[in-house]
């Protein structure tokens, strides 16, 4: 064999090996997807326990407080300076 033929055979072997690795990776990913979907259907994962809503309300309240404090510090909104006229 010439060096060109050897290089072609090595390249083809490397391409075939890469293709097999990619197929294996895709098969593993599909198997994992099927397992996750079956767990979702069985309601083992992805089901709210009610605490999500409480945490969301607490996060909203905390964000509002920090926003008001930041606005006060940035703009200096002092109630003594506000006049009715």
N, C-alpha and C. Protein backbone atom coordinates (compact mmCIF):
# COMPACT_ATOMS: atom_id res chain seq x y z
N UNK A 1 0.84 -1.19 0.00
CA UNK A 1 0.00 0.00 0.00
C UNK A 1 0.88 1.25 0.00
N UNK A 2 0.36 2.23 -0.63
CA UNK A 2 1.07 3.49 -0.63
C UNK A 2 0.66 4.30 0.59
N UNK A 3 1.39 5.35 0.82
CA UNK A 3 1.08 6.17 1.99
C UNK A 3 -0.29 6.84 1.83
N UNK A 4 -0.66 7.15 0.61
CA UNK A 4 -1.98 7.77 0.38
C UNK A 4 -3.10 6.80 0.73
N UNK A 5 -2.95 5.57 0.36
CA UNK A 5 -3.97 4.56 0.68
C UNK A 5 -4.03 4.32 2.19
N UNK A 6 -2.86 4.34 2.84
CA UNK A 6 -2.83 4.16 4.29
C UNK A 6 -3.54 5.32 4.98
N UNK A 7 -3.28 6.53 4.51
CA UNK A 7 -3.94 7.70 5.09
C UNK A 7 -5.44 7.63 4.88
N UNK A 8 -5.87 7.22 3.71
CA UNK A 8 -7.31 7.08 3.43
C UNK A 8 -7.94 6.04 4.33
N UNK A 9 -7.27 4.91 4.52
CA UNK A 9 -7.84 3.87 5.38
C UNK A 9 -7.89 4.33 6.84
N UNK A 10 -6.85 5.05 7.30
CA UNK A 10 -6.87 5.59 8.66
C UNK A 10 -7.99 6.61 8.83
N UNK A 11 -8.15 7.47 7.83
CA UNK A 11 -9.20 8.48 7.89
C UNK A 11 -10.57 7.82 7.92
N UNK A 12 -10.77 6.82 7.06
CA UNK A 12 -12.06 6.12 7.03
C UNK A 12 -12.33 5.42 8.35
N UNK A 13 -11.30 4.85 8.97
CA UNK A 13 -11.46 4.19 10.26
C UNK A 13 -11.82 5.22 11.33
N UNK A 14 -11.17 6.38 11.29
CA UNK A 14 -11.47 7.42 12.27
C UNK A 14 -12.89 7.95 12.09
N UNK A 15 -13.31 8.12 10.84
CA UNK A 15 -14.68 8.58 10.58
C UNK A 15 -15.69 7.55 11.06
N UNK A 16 -15.42 6.29 10.81
CA UNK A 16 -16.33 5.22 11.25
C UNK A 16 -16.41 5.17 12.78
N UNK A 17 -15.27 5.32 13.44
CA UNK A 17 -15.25 5.32 14.90
C UNK A 17 -16.04 6.50 15.46
N UNK A 18 -15.85 7.68 14.86
CA UNK A 18 -16.58 8.87 15.29
C UNK A 18 -18.08 8.69 15.08
N UNK A 19 -18.45 8.11 13.95
CA UNK A 19 -19.86 7.87 13.66
C UNK A 19 -20.48 6.92 14.68
N UNK A 20 -19.73 5.88 15.05
CA UNK A 20 -20.23 4.93 16.06
C UNK A 20 -20.39 5.61 17.42
N UNK A 21 -19.43 6.48 17.78
CA UNK A 21 -19.53 7.19 19.05
C UNK A 21 -20.76 8.11 19.05
N UNK A 22 -20.99 8.78 17.93
CA UNK A 22 -22.15 9.67 17.86
C UNK A 22 -23.46 8.90 17.94
N UNK A 23 -23.54 7.76 17.26
CA UNK A 23 -24.75 6.93 17.33
C UNK A 23 -24.99 6.46 18.75
N UNK A 24 -23.92 6.05 19.44
CA UNK A 24 -24.04 5.58 20.83
C UNK A 24 -24.52 6.73 21.72
N UNK A 25 -23.98 7.93 21.51
CA UNK A 25 -24.39 9.08 22.30
C UNK A 25 -25.86 9.41 22.06
N UNK A 26 -26.29 9.34 20.82
CA UNK A 26 -27.70 9.61 20.51
C UNK A 26 -28.60 8.58 21.15
N UNK A 27 -28.21 7.31 21.10
CA UNK A 27 -29.01 6.25 21.71
C UNK A 27 -29.10 6.43 23.22
N UNK A 28 -27.97 6.81 23.85
CA UNK A 28 -27.98 7.04 25.30
C UNK A 28 -28.89 8.22 25.65
N UNK A 29 -28.85 9.28 24.85
CA UNK A 29 -29.71 10.43 25.09
C UNK A 29 -31.18 10.10 24.93
N UNK A 30 -31.51 9.29 23.93
CA UNK A 30 -32.91 8.89 23.74
C UNK A 30 -33.39 8.02 24.88
N UNK A 31 -32.52 7.14 25.38
CA UNK A 31 -32.90 6.31 26.53
C UNK A 31 -33.16 7.17 27.76
N UNK A 32 -32.31 8.16 27.97
CA UNK A 32 -32.50 9.06 29.11
C UNK A 32 -33.78 9.86 28.95
N UNK A 33 -34.07 10.32 27.74
CA UNK A 33 -35.31 11.06 27.48
C UNK A 33 -36.53 10.20 27.78
N UNK A 34 -36.48 8.93 27.38
CA UNK A 34 -37.61 8.03 27.64
C UNK A 34 -37.81 7.82 29.13
N UNK A 35 -36.71 7.71 29.87
CA UNK A 35 -36.81 7.54 31.32
C UNK A 35 -37.42 8.78 31.97
N UNK A 36 -36.98 9.96 31.55
CA UNK A 36 -37.51 11.20 32.11
C UNK A 36 -38.98 11.35 31.78
N UNK A 37 -39.37 11.05 30.56
CA UNK A 37 -40.78 11.15 30.16
C UNK A 37 -41.64 10.17 30.96
N UNK A 38 -41.13 8.95 31.18
CA UNK A 38 -41.91 7.99 31.96
C UNK A 38 -42.06 8.47 33.41
N UNK A 39 -41.02 9.10 33.97
CA UNK A 39 -41.12 9.63 35.33
C UNK A 39 -42.07 10.81 35.39
N UNK A 40 -42.08 11.64 34.33
CA UNK A 40 -43.04 12.75 34.28
C UNK A 40 -44.47 12.22 34.20
N UNK A 41 -44.69 11.19 33.38
CA UNK A 41 -46.03 10.61 33.26
C UNK A 41 -46.48 9.97 34.56
N UNK A 42 -45.54 9.39 35.31
CA UNK A 42 -45.88 8.78 36.59
C UNK A 42 -45.96 9.81 37.71
N UNK A 43 -45.73 11.08 37.38
CA UNK A 43 -45.78 12.20 38.32
C UNK A 43 -44.79 12.05 39.46
N UNK A 44 -43.63 11.44 39.17
CA UNK A 44 -42.56 11.37 40.17
C UNK A 44 -41.79 12.67 40.21
N UNK A 45 -41.70 13.35 39.07
CA UNK A 45 -40.98 14.62 38.99
C UNK A 45 -41.86 15.63 38.28
N UNK A 46 -41.61 16.90 38.54
CA UNK A 46 -42.33 17.95 37.84
C UNK A 46 -43.67 18.31 38.44
N UNK A 47 -43.98 17.79 39.62
CA UNK A 47 -45.27 18.08 40.25
C UNK A 47 -45.03 19.08 41.38
N UNK A 48 -45.78 20.16 41.38
CA UNK A 48 -45.63 21.15 42.43
C UNK A 48 -46.23 20.62 43.73
N UNK A 49 -45.58 20.95 44.82
CA UNK A 49 -46.05 20.52 46.13
C UNK A 49 -46.74 21.65 46.89
N UNK A 50 -46.94 22.77 46.23
CA UNK A 50 -47.62 23.89 46.85
C UNK A 50 -46.67 24.94 47.41
N UNK A 51 -45.45 24.54 47.70
CA UNK A 51 -44.51 25.51 48.25
C UNK A 51 -43.97 26.44 47.17
N UNK A 52 -44.10 26.04 45.92
CA UNK A 52 -43.60 26.88 44.82
C UNK A 52 -44.29 28.24 44.81
N UNK A 53 -45.58 28.25 45.07
CA UNK A 53 -46.33 29.49 45.05
C UNK A 53 -45.91 30.40 46.20
N UNK A 54 -45.67 29.82 47.37
CA UNK A 54 -45.25 30.61 48.53
C UNK A 54 -43.86 31.22 48.28
N UNK A 55 -42.97 30.43 47.73
CA UNK A 55 -41.63 30.93 47.43
C UNK A 55 -41.70 32.04 46.39
N UNK A 56 -42.56 31.89 45.41
CA UNK A 56 -42.72 32.92 44.38
C UNK A 56 -43.22 34.23 44.96
N UNK A 57 -44.17 34.15 45.87
CA UNK A 57 -44.70 35.37 46.51
C UNK A 57 -43.62 36.02 47.37
N UNK A 58 -42.85 35.22 48.10
CA UNK A 58 -41.77 35.77 48.92
C UNK A 58 -40.71 36.44 48.05
N UNK A 59 -40.38 35.82 46.93
CA UNK A 59 -39.39 36.41 46.02
C UNK A 59 -39.90 37.71 45.43
N UNK A 60 -41.17 37.76 45.07
CA UNK A 60 -41.75 38.99 44.54
C UNK A 60 -41.73 40.10 45.58
N UNK A 61 -42.09 39.78 46.81
CA UNK A 61 -42.08 40.77 47.88
C UNK A 61 -40.68 41.29 48.16
N UNK A 62 -39.71 40.40 48.21
CA UNK A 62 -38.34 40.79 48.47
C UNK A 62 -37.80 41.66 47.33
N UNK A 63 -38.12 41.30 46.09
CA UNK A 63 -37.69 42.10 44.94
C UNK A 63 -38.32 43.49 44.98
N UNK A 64 -39.57 43.56 45.40
CA UNK A 64 -40.25 44.86 45.49
C UNK A 64 -39.60 45.74 46.54
N UNK A 65 -39.28 45.16 47.68
CA UNK A 65 -38.64 45.92 48.76
C UNK A 65 -37.29 46.45 48.30
N UNK A 66 -36.48 45.59 47.69
CA UNK A 66 -35.17 46.03 47.21
C UNK A 66 -35.29 47.08 46.12
N UNK A 67 -36.28 46.95 45.27
CA UNK A 67 -36.48 47.95 44.22
C UNK A 67 -36.84 49.31 44.82
N UNK A 68 -37.72 49.31 45.80
CA UNK A 68 -38.10 50.57 46.44
C UNK A 68 -36.92 51.20 47.17
N UNK A 69 -36.12 50.37 47.82
CA UNK A 69 -34.93 50.90 48.50
C UNK A 69 -33.95 51.49 47.48
N UNK A 70 -33.76 50.79 46.37
CA UNK A 70 -32.85 51.28 45.33
C UNK A 70 -33.36 52.59 44.74
N UNK A 71 -34.66 52.69 44.49
CA UNK A 71 -35.22 53.94 43.97
C UNK A 71 -35.06 55.08 44.97
N UNK A 72 -35.24 54.77 46.23
CA UNK A 72 -35.07 55.79 47.27
C UNK A 72 -33.63 56.28 47.30
N UNK A 73 -32.68 55.35 47.22
CA UNK A 73 -31.27 55.73 47.26
C UNK A 73 -30.84 56.48 46.00
N UNK A 74 -31.37 56.08 44.86
CA UNK A 74 -30.96 56.71 43.60
C UNK A 74 -31.55 58.10 43.46
N UNK A 75 -32.84 58.21 43.66
CA UNK A 75 -33.52 59.47 43.40
C UNK A 75 -33.74 60.31 44.65
N UNK A 76 -33.45 59.81 45.80
CA UNK A 76 -33.61 60.57 47.04
C UNK A 76 -35.03 61.02 47.26
N UNK A 77 -35.95 60.12 47.12
CA UNK A 77 -37.38 60.48 47.26
C UNK A 77 -37.70 60.63 48.73
N UNK A 78 -37.53 61.84 49.22
CA UNK A 78 -37.79 62.15 50.61
C UNK A 78 -39.21 62.70 50.72
N UNK A 79 -40.07 62.09 51.53
CA UNK A 79 -41.45 62.58 51.65
C UNK A 79 -41.56 64.01 52.15
N UNK A 80 -40.55 64.52 52.85
CA UNK A 80 -40.60 65.90 53.35
C UNK A 80 -40.54 66.91 52.20
N UNK A 81 -39.93 66.53 51.09
CA UNK A 81 -39.79 67.46 49.97
C UNK A 81 -41.01 67.46 49.07
N UNK A 82 -41.89 66.50 49.21
CA UNK A 82 -43.07 66.43 48.35
C UNK A 82 -44.12 67.41 48.87
N UNK A 83 -44.56 68.29 48.01
CA UNK A 83 -45.59 69.26 48.39
C UNK A 83 -46.83 69.02 47.55
N UNK A 84 -47.93 69.47 48.00
CA UNK A 84 -49.18 69.27 47.31
C UNK A 84 -49.41 70.25 46.17
N UNK A 85 -48.53 71.15 45.92
CA UNK A 85 -48.77 72.16 44.90
C UNK A 85 -48.05 71.86 43.67
